[in-house]
Amino acid sequence: MDAAGIANPAPSGAEERHVRYSFTVQNTTDQLVTEAELWVCAPLPRTSTQQLLGLDVYPGGDKREDDLGNHLVRFVFSNVPPYAVRVATLGATLVLRETPEAVELQPGRYLNAEPLFEYDNEAFLRLAPEFPAEASHETARTIFAWVRGYLQDVGYDGADRGALHALTQKKGDCTEYATLFVAFCRRAGIPARALGGYVTSQNAVLDPAAYHNWAEYYLDGTWHLADPLAGTIGNGGTRYVAMRILGPSDSPLKNHARFRSLGAGIQAVMDR
């Protein structure tokens, strides 16, 4: 086990959580693949409501962080025979807190207009309502309520279409609810970001179908949870397992949300 924090019992108002998930990697060709790679997201090491205490990885993998702070694991499989499969498994021990702890903010990083959060786009500006020009919880809640009332939930959509799509099309899945909320918060001067992961109230084997995106905004020295699709704001931190910060980065995952396989004829799926 690789320690990723202080392995103490969960403090008051927090819960220790154990999650596991695995991937099947297959050589779909009739040729030997001398090297196959699998890059996957591991739980974020530290957020205002989450601390990663330990991570079990089988078989062994290389670990790194991208410039957003996402925690990544790289598996390498050598000499994979034709049509053969390999399995990669991760198990994490976490502490999840209902009440957020103070965390350091990267100044300005989460105020930018950028892909997925295009609040400086001409079409966005033309359609955007005016919210209070004040970085406050009241402003964040006003934005939250407006996004919930404005968007139509279309169910799961595998593409991350972002805030501009959400505003112009008036619809989306959890990604668009989260990114539109983030874009409006940033436009109002409130640092905000979108996260991806899983919502679970107990120890679990993570189901790929349960993947979910939500948001956080930063005020009073910490991040505050906001899940516009679910109607949750300011609480519920013990149910959200954060795996990814959305946005442009140097991640080897590129545009893949949760995992990416490399190698001629190599395909990977997250197991149920």
C-alpha atoms as a PDB file:
ATOM      1  CA  MET A   1       0.000   0.000   0.000  1.00  0.00           C
ATOM      2  CA  ASP A   2       1.197   3.486  -0.846  1.00  0.00           C
ATOM      3  CA  ALA A   3       0.374   5.949   1.908  1.00  0.00           C
ATOM      4  CA  ALA A   4      -1.220   9.059   0.493  1.00  0.00           C
ATOM      5  CA  GLY A   5      -1.924  10.979   3.666  1.00  0.00           C
ATOM      6  CA  ILE A   6      -2.037  10.329   7.397  1.00  0.00           C
ATOM      7  CA  ALA A   7      -3.568   6.942   8.113  1.00  0.00           C
ATOM      8  CA  ASN A   8      -5.484   7.961  11.249  1.00  0.00           C
ATOM      9  CA  PRO A   9      -9.041   6.974  12.160  1.00  0.00           C
ATOM     10  CA  ALA A  10     -11.728   9.127  10.598  1.00  0.00           C
ATOM     11  CA  PRO A  11     -12.354  12.259  12.705  1.00  0.00           C
ATOM     12  CA  SER A  12     -15.741  13.333  13.987  1.00  0.00           C
ATOM     13  CA  GLY A  13     -18.099  14.241  11.131  1.00  0.00           C
ATOM     14  CA  ALA A  14     -16.175  12.075   8.672  1.00  0.00           C
ATOM     15  CA  GLU A  15     -16.405   8.530   7.382  1.00  0.00           C
ATOM     16  CA  GLU A  16     -13.749   6.064   6.282  1.00  0.00           C
ATOM     17  CA  ARG A  17     -14.642   4.626   2.898  1.00  0.00           C
ATOM     18  CA  HIS A  18     -13.177   1.736   0.903  1.00  0.00           C
ATOM     19  CA  VAL A  19     -13.721   1.513  -2.845  1.00  0.00           C
ATOM     20  CA  ARG A  20     -12.417  -0.889  -5.472  1.00  0.00           C
ATOM     21  CA  TYR A  21     -12.563  -0.901  -9.251  1.00  0.00           C
ATOM     22  CA  SER A  22     -10.923  -2.824 -12.069  1.00  0.00           C
ATOM     23  CA  PHE A  23     -10.306  -2.804 -15.801  1.00  0.00           C
ATOM     24  CA  THR A  24     -10.039  -5.552 -18.396  1.00  0.00           C
ATOM     25  CA  VAL A  25      -7.443  -4.904 -21.097  1.00  0.00           C
ATOM     26  CA  GLN A  26      -7.677  -7.046 -24.228  1.00  0.00           C
ATOM     27  CA  ASN A  27      -5.516  -7.615 -27.282  1.00  0.00           C
ATOM     28  CA  THR A  28      -8.195  -7.755 -29.984  1.00  0.00           C
ATOM     29  CA  THR A  29      -5.778  -8.813 -32.737  1.00  0.00           C
ATOM     30  CA  ASP A  30      -4.148 -12.068 -33.844  1.00  0.00           C
ATOM     31  CA  GLN A  31      -0.708 -10.525 -33.298  1.00  0.00           C
ATOM     32  CA  LEU A  32       1.501 -10.304 -30.224  1.00  0.00           C
ATOM     33  CA  VAL A  33       1.429  -6.819 -28.663  1.00  0.00           C
ATOM     34  CA  THR A  34       4.838  -6.221 -27.168  1.00  0.00           C
ATOM     35  CA  GLU A  35       3.662  -3.347 -24.935  1.00  0.00           C
ATOM     36  CA  ALA A  36       0.207  -2.177 -23.889  1.00  0.00           C
ATOM     37  CA  GLU A  37      -0.529   0.750 -21.590  1.00  0.00           C
ATOM     38  CA  LEU A  38      -3.499   1.644 -19.444  1.00  0.00           C
ATOM     39  CA  TRP A  39      -3.808   5.060 -17.798  1.00  0.00           C
ATOM     40  CA  VAL A  40      -6.517   5.428 -15.139  1.00  0.00           C
ATOM     41  CA  CYS A  41      -7.719   8.036 -12.651  1.00  0.00           C
ATOM     42  CA  ALA A  42      -7.225   7.319  -8.972  1.00  0.00           C
ATOM     43  CA  PRO A  43      -9.113   9.222  -6.237  1.00  0.00           C
ATOM     44  CA  LEU A  44      -7.874  12.784  -5.739  1.00  0.00           C
ATOM     45  CA  PRO A  45      -5.279  12.842  -2.920  1.00  0.00           C
ATOM     46  CA  ARG A  46      -6.849  15.803  -1.136  1.00  0.00           C
ATOM     47  CA  THR A  47      -9.914  17.993  -1.465  1.00  0.00           C
ATOM     48  CA  SER A  48     -11.864  19.953   1.129  1.00  0.00           C
ATOM     49  CA  THR A  49     -13.960  16.854   1.887  1.00  0.00           C
ATOM     50  CA  GLN A  50     -11.704  13.975   0.795  1.00  0.00           C
ATOM     51  CA  GLN A  51      -8.361  12.556   1.876  1.00  0.00           C
ATOM     52  CA  LEU A  52      -6.760   9.527   0.251  1.00  0.00           C
ATOM     53  CA  LEU A  53      -5.214   7.389   2.979  1.00  0.00           C
ATOM     54  CA  GLY A  54      -3.995   4.483   0.890  1.00  0.00           C
ATOM     55  CA  LEU A  55      -4.014   3.079  -2.617  1.00  0.00           C
ATOM     56  CA  ASP A  56      -3.541  -0.585  -3.572  1.00  0.00           C
ATOM     57  CA  VAL A  57      -2.600  -1.146  -7.212  1.00  0.00           C
ATOM     58  CA  TYR A  58      -2.368  -4.565  -8.882  1.00  0.00           C
ATOM     59  CA  PRO A  59      -0.269  -5.262 -10.792  1.00  0.00           C
ATOM     60  CA  GLY A  60       2.132  -2.493  -9.832  1.00  0.00           C
ATOM     61  CA  GLY A  61       1.783   0.792 -11.682  1.00  0.00           C
ATOM     62  CA  ASP A  62       3.553   4.121 -12.042  1.00  0.00           C
ATOM     63  CA  LYS A  63       1.887   7.111 -10.380  1.00  0.00           C
ATOM     64  CA  ARG A  64       1.900  10.766 -11.367  1.00  0.00           C
ATOM     65  CA  GLU A  65      -0.160  13.943 -11.120  1.00  0.00           C
ATOM     66  CA  ASP A  66      -1.126  16.231 -13.973  1.00  0.00           C
ATOM     67  CA  ASP A  67      -1.047  20.007 -13.662  1.00  0.00           C
ATOM     68  CA  LEU A  68      -4.621  20.098 -12.331  1.00  0.00           C
ATOM     69  CA  GLY A  69      -3.684  17.764  -9.484  1.00  0.00           C
ATOM     70  CA  ASN A  70      -5.382  14.682 -10.896  1.00  0.00           C
ATOM     71  CA  HIS A  71      -3.934  11.445  -9.530  1.00  0.00           C
ATOM     72  CA  LEU A  72      -3.075   9.024 -12.359  1.00  0.00           C
ATOM     73  CA  VAL A  73      -1.798   5.447 -12.489  1.00  0.00           C
ATOM     74  CA  ARG A  74      -0.058   3.913 -15.508  1.00  0.00           C
ATOM     75  CA  PHE A  75      -0.107   0.142 -16.009  1.00  0.00           C
ATOM     76  CA  VAL A  76       2.205  -1.488 -18.546  1.00  0.00           C
ATOM     77  CA  PHE A  77       1.592  -5.009 -19.888  1.00  0.00           C
ATOM     78  CA  SER A  78       4.403  -6.651 -21.851  1.00  0.00           C
ATOM     79  CA  ASN A  79       4.036  -9.276 -24.576  1.00  0.00           C
ATOM     80  CA  VAL A  80       0.250  -9.648 -24.588  1.00  0.00           C
ATOM     81  CA  PRO A  81      -0.597 -12.709 -26.740  1.00  0.00           C
ATOM     82  CA  PRO A  82      -3.269 -12.613 -29.463  1.00  0.00           C
ATOM     83  CA  TYR A  83      -6.762 -12.142 -27.999  1.00  0.00           C
ATOM     84  CA  ALA A  84      -5.412 -12.366 -24.439  1.00  0.00           C
ATOM     85  CA  VAL A  85      -6.713 -10.250 -21.570  1.00  0.00           C
ATOM     86  CA  ARG A  86      -5.027  -8.587 -18.621  1.00  0.00           C
ATOM     87  CA  VAL A  87      -6.712  -7.133 -15.532  1.00  0.00           C
ATOM     88  CA  ALA A  88      -5.754  -4.029 -13.535  1.00  0.00           C
ATOM     89  CA  THR A  89      -7.287  -3.447 -10.096  1.00  0.00           C
ATOM     90  CA  LEU A  90      -7.227  -0.465  -7.744  1.00  0.00           C
ATOM     91  CA  GLY A  91      -8.418  -0.279  -4.163  1.00  0.00           C
ATOM     92  CA  ALA A  92      -8.567   2.988  -2.217  1.00  0.00           C
ATOM     93  CA  THR A  93      -9.063   3.879   1.431  1.00  0.00           C
ATOM     94  CA  LEU A  94     -10.494   7.359   1.921  1.00  0.00           C
ATOM     95  CA  VAL A  95     -11.716   9.695   4.601  1.00  0.00           C
ATOM     96  CA  LEU A  96     -14.769  11.665   3.454  1.00  0.00           C
ATOM     97  CA  ARG A  97     -15.963  14.706   5.428  1.00  0.00           C
ATOM     98  CA  GLU A  98     -19.435  16.184   5.594  1.00  0.00           C
ATOM     99  CA  THR A  99     -18.067  19.630   6.541  1.00  0.00           C
ATOM    100  CA  PRO A 100     -15.281  20.952   4.289  1.00  0.00           C
ATOM    101  CA  GLU A 101     -11.833  21.676   5.676  1.00  0.00           C
ATOM    102  CA  ALA A 102      -9.758  24.700   4.711  1.00  0.00           C
ATOM    103  CA  VAL A 103      -7.581  24.041   1.654  1.00  0.00           C
ATOM    104  CA  GLU A 104      -5.173  26.175  -0.345  1.00  0.00           C
ATOM    105  CA  LEU A 105      -6.375  27.642  -3.644  1.00  0.00           C
ATOM    106  CA  GLN A 106      -4.240  28.056  -6.765  1.00  0.00           C
ATOM    107  CA  PRO A 107      -4.723  31.824  -7.283  1.00  0.00           C
ATOM    108  CA  GLY A 108      -6.605  32.603 -10.457  1.00  0.00           C
ATOM    109  CA  ARG A 109      -6.525  29.040 -11.794  1.00  0.00           C
ATOM    110  CA  TYR A 110     -10.239  28.554 -11.308  1.00  0.00           C
ATOM    111  CA  LEU A 111     -11.424  31.940 -12.545  1.00  0.00           C
ATOM    112  CA  ASN A 112     -10.362  31.515 -16.172  1.00  0.00           C
ATOM    113  CA  ALA A 113     -12.621  31.212 -19.182  1.00  0.00           C
ATOM    114  CA  GLU A 114     -11.391  28.076 -20.981  1.00  0.00           C
ATOM    115  CA  PRO A 115     -12.705  25.013 -22.823  1.00  0.00           C
ATOM    116  CA  LEU A 116     -15.819  23.677 -21.036  1.00  0.00           C
ATOM    117  CA  PHE A 117     -16.193  27.019 -19.181  1.00  0.00           C
ATOM    118  CA  GLU A 118     -16.493  29.475 -22.098  1.00  0.00           C
ATOM    119  CA  TYR A 119     -18.089  32.445 -20.353  1.00  0.00           C
ATOM    120  CA  ASP A 120     -16.202  34.914 -22.569  1.00  0.00           C
ATOM    121  CA  ASN A 121     -17.741  33.535 -25.778  1.00  0.00           C
ATOM    122  CA  GLU A 122     -19.915  36.020 -27.706  1.00  0.00           C
ATOM    123  CA  ALA A 123     -22.909  33.685 -27.821  1.00  0.00           C
ATOM    124  CA  PHE A 124     -22.542  32.968 -24.113  1.00  0.00           C
ATOM    125  CA  LEU A 125     -22.470  36.666 -23.265  1.00  0.00           C
ATOM    126  CA  ARG A 126     -25.515  37.339 -25.426  1.00  0.00           C
ATOM    127  CA  LEU A 127     -27.643  34.721 -23.644  1.00  0.00           C
ATOM    128  CA  ALA A 128     -26.251  34.942 -20.113  1.00  0.00           C
ATOM    129  CA  PRO A 129     -28.477  36.488 -17.423  1.00  0.00           C
ATOM    130  CA  GLU A 130     -27.056  39.042 -15.043  1.00  0.00           C
ATOM    131  CA  PHE A 131     -26.188  37.678 -11.627  1.00  0.00           C
ATOM    132  CA  PRO A 132     -25.052  39.746  -8.630  1.00  0.00           C
ATOM    133  CA  ALA A 133     -21.477  40.925  -9.181  1.00  0.00           C
ATOM    134  CA  GLU A 134     -20.474  39.755  -5.726  1.00  0.00           C
ATOM    135  CA  ALA A 135     -18.379  36.775  -4.698  1.00  0.00           C
ATOM    136  CA  SER A 136     -20.720  35.416  -2.036  1.00  0.00           C
ATOM    137  CA  HIS A 137     -22.609  32.298  -1.063  1.00  0.00           C
ATOM    138  CA  GLU A 138     -25.833  34.095  -1.971  1.00  0.00           C
ATOM    139  CA  THR A 139     -24.565  34.635  -5.520  1.00  0.00           C
ATOM    140  CA  ALA A 140     -23.501  30.988  -5.806  1.00  0.00           C
ATOM    141  CA  ARG A 141     -26.907  29.796  -4.627  1.00  0.00           C
ATOM    142  CA  THR A 142     -28.670  32.165  -7.034  1.00  0.00           C
ATOM    143  CA  ILE A 143     -26.636  30.726  -9.909  1.00  0.00           C
ATOM    144  CA  PHE A 144     -27.297  27.192  -8.654  1.00  0.00           C
ATOM    145  CA  ALA A 145     -31.059  27.706  -8.598  1.00  0.00           C
ATOM    146  CA  TRP A 146     -31.053  29.336 -12.047  1.00  0.00           C
ATOM    147  CA  VAL A 147     -29.071  26.489 -13.645  1.00  0.00           C
ATOM    148  CA  ARG A 148     -31.397  23.885 -12.127  1.00  0.00           C
ATOM    149  CA  GLY A 149     -34.432  25.694 -13.490  1.00  0.00           C
ATOM    150  CA  TYR A 150     -32.968  26.505 -16.907  1.00  0.00           C
ATOM    151  CA  LEU A 151     -31.537  23.187 -18.076  1.00  0.00           C
ATOM    152  CA  GLN A 152     -33.407  20.091 -19.190  1.00  0.00           C
ATOM    153  CA  ASP A 153     -31.821  16.816 -18.099  1.00  0.00           C
ATOM    154  CA  VAL A 154     -31.311  14.604 -21.180  1.00  0.00           C
ATOM    155  CA  GLY A 155     -29.831  11.636 -19.339  1.00  0.00           C
ATOM    156  CA  TYR A 156     -26.307  10.288 -19.754  1.00  0.00           C
ATOM    157  CA  ASP A 157     -24.266  11.664 -22.653  1.00  0.00           C
ATOM    158  CA  GLY A 158     -20.701  10.395 -22.946  1.00  0.00           C
ATOM    159  CA  ALA A 159     -19.377  13.673 -24.385  1.00  0.00           C
ATOM    160  CA  ASP A 160     -18.228  16.589 -22.210  1.00  0.00           C
ATOM    161  CA  ARG A 161     -20.022  19.377 -24.105  1.00  0.00           C
ATOM    162  CA  GLY A 162     -19.527  22.184 -21.611  1.00  0.00           C
ATOM    163  CA  ALA A 163     -21.123  25.431 -20.536  1.00  0.00           C
ATOM    164  CA  LEU A 164     -21.583  27.059 -23.944  1.00  0.00           C
ATOM    165  CA  HIS A 165     -23.477  24.047 -25.257  1.00  0.00           C
ATOM    166  CA  ALA A 166     -25.597  23.967 -22.105  1.00  0.00           C
ATOM    167  CA  LEU A 167     -26.522  27.640 -22.316  1.00  0.00           C
ATOM    168  CA  THR A 168     -27.313  27.671 -26.028  1.00  0.00           C
ATOM    169  CA  GLN A 169     -29.127  24.323 -26.162  1.00  0.00           C
ATOM    170  CA  LYS A 170     -30.841  24.599 -22.753  1.00  0.00           C
ATOM    171  CA  LYS A 171     -30.141  20.947 -22.014  1.00  0.00           C
ATOM    172  CA  GLY A 172     -27.463  18.487 -20.976  1.00  0.00           C
ATOM    173  CA  ASP A 173     -26.457  15.829 -18.499  1.00  0.00           C
ATOM    174  CA  CYS A 174     -24.584  16.195 -15.214  1.00  0.00           C
ATOM    175  CA  THR A 175     -21.521  17.553 -17.065  1.00  0.00           C
ATOM    176  CA  GLU A 176     -23.431  20.465 -18.543  1.00  0.00           C
ATOM    177  CA  TYR A 177     -25.193  21.243 -15.263  1.00  0.00           C
ATOM    178  CA  ALA A 178     -21.810  21.365 -13.509  1.00  0.00           C
ATOM    179  CA  THR A 179     -19.879  23.271 -16.187  1.00  0.00           C
ATOM    180  CA  LEU A 180     -22.585  25.905 -16.646  1.00  0.00           C
ATOM    181  CA  PHE A 181     -22.679  26.510 -12.890  1.00  0.00           C
ATOM    182  CA  VAL A 182     -18.875  26.794 -12.851  1.00  0.00           C
ATOM    183  CA  ALA A 183     -18.803  29.192 -15.802  1.00  0.00           C
ATOM    184  CA  PHE A 184     -21.310  31.554 -14.190  1.00  0.00           C
ATOM    185  CA  CYS A 185     -19.470  31.421 -10.864  1.00  0.00           C
ATOM    186  CA  ARG A 186     -16.162  32.276 -12.525  1.00  0.00           C
ATOM    187  CA  ARG A 187     -17.823  35.107 -14.449  1.00  0.00           C
ATOM    188  CA  ALA A 188     -19.086  36.475 -11.098  1.00  0.00           C
ATOM    189  CA  GLY A 189     -15.589  36.308  -9.600  1.00  0.00           C
ATOM    190  CA  ILE A 190     -16.107  33.115  -7.584  1.00  0.00           C
ATOM    191  CA  PRO A 191     -13.412  30.467  -8.188  1.00  0.00           C
ATOM    192  CA  ALA A 192     -15.133  27.240  -9.232  1.00  0.00           C
ATOM    193  CA  ARG A 193     -14.318  23.888 -10.784  1.00  0.00           C
ATOM    194  CA  ALA A 194     -16.066  20.761 -12.040  1.00  0.00           C
ATOM    195  CA  LEU A 195     -15.257  17.331 -10.621  1.00  0.00           C
ATOM    196  CA  GLY A 196     -15.923  13.790 -11.767  1.00  0.00           C
ATOM    197  CA  GLY A 197     -16.282  10.652  -9.700  1.00  0.00           C
ATOM    198  CA  TYR A 198     -18.854   8.511  -7.954  1.00  0.00           C
ATOM    199  CA  VAL A 199     -21.612   9.039  -5.418  1.00  0.00           C
ATOM    200  CA  THR A 200     -21.854   6.290  -2.812  1.00  0.00           C
ATOM    201  CA  SER A 201     -22.895   6.184   0.831  1.00  0.00           C
ATOM    202  CA  GLN A 202     -21.058   2.953   1.615  1.00  0.00           C
ATOM    203  CA  ASN A 203     -18.005   0.865   0.768  1.00  0.00           C
ATOM    204  CA  ALA A 204     -18.368  -0.159  -2.843  1.00  0.00           C
ATOM    205  CA  VAL A 205     -17.095  -1.779  -5.988  1.00  0.00           C
ATOM    206  CA  LEU A 206     -17.457   1.189  -8.319  1.00  0.00           C
ATOM    207  CA  ASP A 207     -19.855   0.763 -11.235  1.00  0.00           C
ATOM    208  CA  PRO A 208     -18.862   2.563 -14.466  1.00  0.00           C
ATOM    209  CA  ALA A 209     -22.517   3.395 -15.074  1.00  0.00           C
ATOM    210  CA  ALA A 210     -22.563   5.405 -11.834  1.00  0.00           C
ATOM    211  CA  TYR A 211     -19.928   7.920 -12.965  1.00  0.00           C
ATOM    212  CA  HIS A 212     -21.070  11.473 -12.222  1.00  0.00           C
ATOM    213  CA  ASN A 213     -19.898  15.080 -12.573  1.00  0.00           C
ATOM    214  CA  TRP A 214     -20.565  17.867 -10.083  1.00  0.00           C
ATOM    215  CA  ALA A 215     -19.052  21.224  -9.076  1.00  0.00           C
ATOM    216  CA  GLU A 216     -17.344  23.075  -6.251  1.00  0.00           C
ATOM    217  CA  TYR A 217     -17.004  26.799  -5.605  1.00  0.00           C
ATOM    218  CA  TYR A 218     -14.357  28.436  -3.405  1.00  0.00           C
ATOM    219  CA  LEU A 219     -15.255  30.909  -0.645  1.00  0.00           C
ATOM    220  CA  ASP A 220     -14.125  31.459   2.960  1.00  0.00           C
ATOM    221  CA  GLY A 221     -10.912  29.494   2.450  1.00  0.00           C
ATOM    222  CA  THR A 222     -12.417  26.238   1.235  1.00  0.00           C
ATOM    223  CA  TRP A 223     -14.351  24.457  -1.515  1.00  0.00           C
ATOM    224  CA  HIS A 224     -18.112  23.996  -1.209  1.00  0.00           C
ATOM    225  CA  LEU A 225     -19.910  21.182  -2.999  1.00  0.00           C
ATOM    226  CA  ALA A 226     -22.560  22.032  -5.580  1.00  0.00           C
ATOM    227  CA  ASP A 227     -24.347  19.359  -7.625  1.00  0.00           C
ATOM    228  CA  PRO A 228     -26.958  21.231  -9.684  1.00  0.00           C
ATOM    229  CA  LEU A 229     -28.425  18.124 -11.309  1.00  0.00           C
ATOM    230  CA  ALA A 230     -28.989  16.389  -7.959  1.00  0.00           C
ATOM    231  CA  GLY A 231     -30.075  19.569  -6.156  1.00  0.00           C
ATOM    232  CA  THR A 232     -27.298  19.286  -3.557  1.00  0.00           C
ATOM    233  CA  ILE A 233     -25.346  22.336  -2.416  1.00  0.00           C
ATOM    234  CA  GLY A 234     -23.170  22.907   0.631  1.00  0.00           C
ATOM    235  CA  ASN A 235     -23.402  19.404   2.101  1.00  0.00           C
ATOM    236  CA  GLY A 236     -23.238  15.719   1.225  1.00  0.00           C
ATOM    237  CA  GLY A 237     -19.448  15.497   1.176  1.00  0.00           C
ATOM    238  CA  THR A 238     -19.384  12.003   2.686  1.00  0.00           C
ATOM    239  CA  ARG A 239     -21.132  10.612  -0.402  1.00  0.00           C
ATOM    240  CA  TYR A 240     -18.903  12.060  -3.160  1.00  0.00           C
ATOM    241  CA  VAL A 241     -15.709  10.228  -4.177  1.00  0.00           C
ATOM    242  CA  ALA A 242     -13.760  12.665  -6.363  1.00  0.00           C
ATOM    243  CA  MET A 243     -11.643  11.083  -9.113  1.00  0.00           C
ATOM    244  CA  ARG A 244     -10.992  13.930 -11.531  1.00  0.00           C
ATOM    245  CA  ILE A 245     -10.853  17.703 -11.922  1.00  0.00           C
ATOM    246  CA  LEU A 246     -12.234  18.651 -15.336  1.00  0.00           C
ATOM    247  CA  GLY A 247     -10.444  21.096 -17.604  1.00  0.00           C
ATOM    248  CA  PRO A 248      -7.468  21.554 -19.914  1.00  0.00           C
ATOM    249  CA  SER A 249      -4.317  19.890 -18.559  1.00  0.00           C
ATOM    250  CA  ASP A 250      -1.184  17.981 -19.516  1.00  0.00           C
ATOM    251  CA  SER A 251      -2.859  14.685 -18.597  1.00  0.00           C
ATOM    252  CA  PRO A 252      -1.915  11.622 -20.680  1.00  0.00           C
ATOM    253  CA  LEU A 253      -5.634  10.785 -20.614  1.00  0.00           C
ATOM    254  CA  LYS A 254      -6.114  13.536 -23.242  1.00  0.00           C
ATOM    255  CA  ASN A 255      -9.892  13.782 -23.821  1.00  0.00           C
ATOM    256  CA  HIS A 256     -10.707  10.521 -22.048  1.00  0.00           C
ATOM    257  CA  ALA A 257     -12.638  11.073 -18.830  1.00  0.00           C
ATOM    258  CA  ARG A 258     -11.643   8.066 -16.715  1.00  0.00           C
ATOM    259  CA  PHE A 259      -9.114   5.853 -18.483  1.00  0.00           C
ATOM    260  CA  ARG A 260      -7.180   5.450 -21.708  1.00  0.00           C
ATOM    261  CA  SER A 261      -5.550   2.417 -23.332  1.00  0.00           C
ATOM    262  CA  LEU A 262      -2.596   2.549 -25.716  1.00  0.00           C
ATOM    263  CA  GLY A 263      -1.222  -0.088 -28.069  1.00  0.00           C
ATOM    264  CA  ALA A 264      -2.182  -1.397 -31.510  1.00  0.00           C
ATOM    265  CA  GLY A 265      -5.410  -3.380 -31.172  1.00  0.00           C
ATOM    266  CA  ILE A 266      -5.614  -2.845 -27.404  1.00  0.00           C
ATOM    267  CA  GLN A 267      -9.034  -2.122 -25.925  1.00  0.00           C
ATOM    268  CA  ALA A 268      -9.954  -1.567 -22.285  1.00  0.00           C
ATOM    269  CA  VAL A 269     -13.215  -1.499 -20.353  1.00  0.00           C
ATOM    270  CA  MET A 270     -13.994  -0.715 -16.748  1.00  0.00           C
ATOM    271  CA  ASP A 271     -15.483  -3.811 -15.132  1.00  0.00           C
ATOM    272  CA  ARG A 272     -18.894  -3.830 -13.504  1.00  0.00           C
END
